[in-house]
Amino acid sequence: MSTRILSVITAMVLTLCAASASAQQLTLGQISAYLNQLQTAQGGFTQINADGTLSTGQIYIKRPGRIRFEYNAPSDSLVLASGGQLAIFDARSNTGPERYPLNQTPLSIILQQNVDLGREDMVTNVVSDGTTTTVTAQDPDNPNYGSIQMVFTANPVELRQWIVTDEFGTETTVILNDLISGSSIRDILFNIRAETRNRAG
């Protein structure tokens, strides 16, 4: 593992510890309530890819069903979820985005209209280290779609990180930086058709 990746992980751990020195294990009800009241949010993110490389960028969330990842250079890629679809825009391609049904990806778990982590067979693991509570969840009707492992701190409850494991077992870690909730976010940021036209023009 490179020194750069180790430094990012170390900084993340220190941040979590400093923010939640007196945290306790959160219940699934508390986490579900937090996600359901999280209507909009934006901030920075650091992504650790399956091959060990790092990507950074800005994230925008507008629940239900919408999320936007703007990747910084040199990637300059974009991932959008809206209208029940997940679209991946590759800056090196001029053929339009790759599209997938959002409900076939683990991200749909936190973007759905009503998050209920108490649903039977949705949560497969819950652990707490006294600082964070980590919840692993899947679509109980389609566990083959993969899972999402979410890390929360308490006082106040905040989502700090997630690890998505796709249907092939590939893991992608997203560390959230200074996520601000309740901000006004324009709907056009999640318009896949508009983004496709802009990039084609």
Protein backbone atom coordinates (compact mmCIF):
# COMPACT_ATOMS: atom_id res chain seq x y z
CA MET A 1 0.00 0.00 0.00
CA SER A 2 1.44 3.39 -1.00
CA THR A 3 2.45 6.05 1.52
CA ARG A 4 -0.19 8.37 0.06
CA ILE A 5 -3.03 5.93 0.68
CA LEU A 6 -1.76 5.17 4.18
CA SER A 7 -1.67 8.88 5.00
CA VAL A 8 -5.26 9.35 3.79
CA ILE A 9 -6.50 6.42 5.88
CA THR A 10 -4.57 7.62 8.95
CA ALA A 11 -6.01 11.14 8.61
CA MET A 12 -9.51 9.70 8.28
CA VAL A 13 -9.14 7.63 11.44
CA LEU A 14 -7.78 10.58 13.42
CA THR A 15 -10.66 12.77 12.23
CA LEU A 16 -13.24 10.20 13.26
CA CYS A 17 -11.68 9.80 16.69
CA ALA A 18 -11.47 13.53 17.33
CA ALA A 19 -15.06 14.11 16.26
CA SER A 20 -16.55 11.38 18.41
CA ALA A 21 -14.57 10.86 21.56
CA SER A 22 -17.70 10.12 23.56
CA ALA A 23 -19.70 8.29 20.87
CA GLN A 24 -21.85 5.27 21.55
CA GLN A 25 -23.18 2.56 19.27
CA LEU A 26 -26.06 3.82 17.17
CA THR A 27 -29.22 1.80 16.69
CA LEU A 28 -30.57 0.90 13.27
CA GLY A 29 -33.56 3.11 14.03
CA GLN A 30 -31.32 6.12 14.69
CA ILE A 31 -29.37 5.54 11.49
CA SER A 32 -32.53 5.06 9.41
CA ALA A 33 -33.98 8.28 10.85
CA TYR A 34 -30.77 10.17 10.04
CA LEU A 35 -30.73 8.98 6.43
CA ASN A 36 -34.42 9.75 5.97
CA GLN A 37 -34.01 13.35 7.15
CA LEU A 38 -30.91 13.83 4.97
CA GLN A 39 -32.72 15.43 2.04
CA THR A 40 -29.74 17.31 0.56
CA ALA A 41 -26.01 17.27 1.24
CA GLN A 42 -22.79 18.28 -0.46
CA GLY A 43 -19.09 18.16 0.27
CA GLY A 44 -15.80 16.72 -0.83
CA PHE A 45 -14.84 13.08 -1.12
CA THR A 46 -11.78 10.88 -1.45
CA GLN A 47 -12.25 7.58 -3.24
CA ILE A 48 -9.99 4.57 -2.84
CA ASN A 49 -10.42 2.45 -5.93
CA ALA A 50 -10.15 -1.30 -6.16
CA ASP A 51 -6.68 -1.06 -7.71
CA GLY A 52 -5.42 1.10 -4.83
CA THR A 53 -5.45 4.40 -6.71
CA LEU A 54 -7.01 7.55 -5.27
CA SER A 55 -9.58 9.89 -6.75
CA THR A 56 -10.99 13.11 -5.26
CA GLY A 57 -13.91 15.35 -6.08
CA GLN A 58 -17.20 16.87 -5.00
CA ILE A 59 -20.36 14.96 -4.06
CA TYR A 60 -23.97 16.18 -4.19
CA ILE A 61 -26.88 14.22 -2.71
CA LYS A 62 -30.56 14.97 -3.19
CA ARG A 63 -32.77 12.27 -1.82
CA PRO A 64 -34.61 10.32 -2.89
CA GLY A 65 -32.76 8.77 -5.78
CA ARG A 66 -30.20 11.39 -6.79
CA ILE A 67 -26.46 11.62 -6.30
CA ARG A 68 -23.63 13.26 -8.26
CA PHE A 69 -19.88 12.53 -8.07
CA GLU A 70 -17.71 15.15 -9.83
CA TYR A 71 -14.18 13.81 -10.12
CA ASN A 72 -11.21 16.14 -10.16
CA ALA A 73 -8.42 16.05 -12.74
CA PRO A 74 -6.84 13.97 -14.09
CA SER A 75 -9.99 11.83 -14.13
CA ASP A 76 -12.57 14.56 -14.85
CA SER A 77 -15.22 11.84 -14.90
CA LEU A 78 -18.76 12.09 -13.59
CA VAL A 79 -21.21 9.66 -12.00
CA LEU A 80 -24.89 10.60 -11.81
CA ALA A 81 -27.89 8.84 -10.33
CA SER A 82 -31.33 10.12 -11.26
CA GLY A 83 -34.63 8.82 -12.62
CA GLY A 84 -33.86 5.31 -11.45
CA GLN A 85 -30.62 5.13 -13.44
CA LEU A 86 -26.92 5.32 -12.65
CA ALA A 87 -24.92 6.98 -15.43
CA ILE A 88 -21.12 6.90 -15.66
CA PHE A 89 -19.53 9.60 -17.85
CA ASP A 90 -15.95 8.84 -18.89
CA ALA A 91 -14.15 12.03 -19.86
CA ARG A 92 -12.10 10.06 -22.41
CA SER A 93 -15.19 8.79 -24.24
CA ASN A 94 -17.52 10.55 -26.67
CA THR A 95 -20.08 7.75 -26.90
CA GLY A 96 -22.27 8.89 -24.02
CA PRO A 97 -22.55 7.47 -20.51
CA GLU A 98 -22.76 3.86 -19.43
CA ARG A 99 -26.15 3.34 -17.78
CA TYR A 100 -27.27 0.87 -15.13
CA PRO A 101 -30.50 0.46 -13.12
CA LEU A 102 -29.94 2.26 -9.80
CA ASN A 103 -31.90 -0.39 -7.90
CA GLN A 104 -29.30 -2.95 -8.96
CA THR A 105 -26.52 -1.09 -7.15
CA PRO A 106 -25.88 -0.91 -3.37
CA LEU A 107 -26.10 2.90 -3.48
CA SER A 108 -29.86 2.57 -3.90
CA ILE A 109 -30.08 1.51 -0.24
CA ILE A 110 -29.23 4.99 1.06
CA LEU A 111 -30.99 6.86 -1.77
CA GLN A 112 -34.40 5.22 -1.52
CA GLN A 113 -37.46 7.17 -0.42
CA ASN A 114 -37.79 5.41 2.94
CA VAL A 115 -34.69 3.84 4.42
CA ASP A 116 -35.63 1.06 6.84
CA LEU A 117 -32.52 -0.76 8.01
CA GLY A 118 -34.70 -2.80 10.34
CA ARG A 119 -36.18 -4.64 7.37
CA GLU A 120 -35.62 -8.38 7.56
CA ASP A 121 -32.32 -9.54 6.02
CA MET A 122 -31.30 -6.01 4.97
CA VAL A 123 -28.53 -5.55 7.55
CA THR A 124 -25.96 -8.33 7.64
CA ASN A 125 -23.58 -6.87 10.23
CA VAL A 126 -23.35 -4.09 12.82
CA VAL A 127 -20.17 -3.31 14.75
CA SER A 128 -19.06 -0.45 16.99
CA ASP A 129 -15.61 0.47 18.27
CA GLY A 130 -16.85 3.10 20.70
CA THR A 131 -16.13 5.81 18.16
CA THR A 132 -18.01 4.72 15.07
CA THR A 133 -20.87 2.41 14.18
CA THR A 134 -20.44 0.41 11.00
CA VAL A 135 -23.48 -1.08 9.29
CA THR A 136 -23.33 -3.49 6.35
CA ALA A 137 -26.53 -3.61 4.31
CA GLN A 138 -27.82 -5.26 1.16
CA ASP A 139 -31.01 -5.50 -0.86
CA PRO A 140 -32.76 -8.34 1.01
CA ASP A 141 -34.54 -9.41 -2.16
CA ASN A 142 -31.40 -9.34 -4.30
CA PRO A 143 -28.29 -9.92 -2.18
CA ASN A 144 -26.39 -10.77 -5.38
CA TYR A 145 -26.37 -7.04 -6.27
CA GLY A 146 -23.69 -6.43 -3.64
CA SER A 147 -23.57 -4.55 -0.35
CA ILE A 148 -22.72 -1.21 1.19
CA GLN A 149 -20.77 -0.83 4.45
CA MET A 150 -21.54 2.54 6.03
CA VAL A 151 -19.57 4.21 8.83
CA PHE A 152 -21.37 6.66 11.14
CA THR A 153 -20.30 8.82 14.05
CA ALA A 154 -22.65 10.06 16.77
CA ASN A 155 -23.40 13.32 18.62
CA PRO A 156 -24.61 14.36 16.06
CA VAL A 157 -25.17 11.37 13.81
CA GLU A 158 -23.12 11.74 10.61
CA LEU A 159 -22.29 9.52 7.67
CA ARG A 160 -18.50 9.58 7.26
CA GLN A 161 -17.61 6.80 4.85
CA TRP A 162 -18.93 3.88 2.85
CA ILE A 163 -17.52 0.87 1.07
CA VAL A 164 -19.51 -0.48 -1.86
CA THR A 165 -18.92 -4.11 -2.78
CA ASP A 166 -20.41 -4.84 -6.19
CA GLU A 167 -21.78 -8.08 -7.58
CA PHE A 168 -18.26 -9.18 -8.56
CA GLY A 169 -16.78 -8.56 -5.11
CA THR A 170 -14.95 -5.37 -6.16
CA GLU A 171 -14.66 -2.83 -3.33
CA THR A 172 -14.73 0.96 -3.69
CA THR A 173 -14.25 3.15 -0.61
CA VAL A 174 -15.64 6.70 -0.43
CA ILE A 175 -14.51 8.94 2.45
CA LEU A 176 -16.69 12.02 2.91
CA ASN A 177 -15.07 15.36 3.73
CA ASP A 178 -17.01 18.21 5.37
CA LEU A 179 -20.43 16.98 4.28
CA ILE A 180 -22.93 19.84 4.70
CA SER A 181 -26.60 18.93 4.86
CA GLY A 182 -29.65 21.04 4.19
CA SER A 183 -28.15 23.14 1.40
CA SER A 184 -30.00 24.15 -1.76
CA ILE A 185 -28.91 22.03 -4.74
CA ARG A 186 -30.21 22.62 -8.27
CA ASP A 187 -32.09 19.76 -9.92
CA ILE A 188 -30.16 20.29 -13.18
CA LEU A 189 -27.07 18.80 -11.54
CA PHE A 190 -28.77 15.41 -11.62
CA ASN A 191 -30.18 15.59 -15.17
CA ILE A 192 -28.54 12.78 -17.14
CA ARG A 193 -29.95 13.91 -20.50
CA ALA A 194 -28.77 17.49 -20.01
CA GLU A 195 -25.30 16.31 -18.99
CA THR A 196 -25.15 14.05 -22.05
CA ARG A 197 -26.05 16.98 -24.34
CA ASN A 198 -23.52 19.28 -22.67
CA ARG A 199 -20.70 16.80 -23.08
CA ALA A 200 -21.63 16.04 -26.68
CA GLY A 201 -21.80 19.69 -27.66
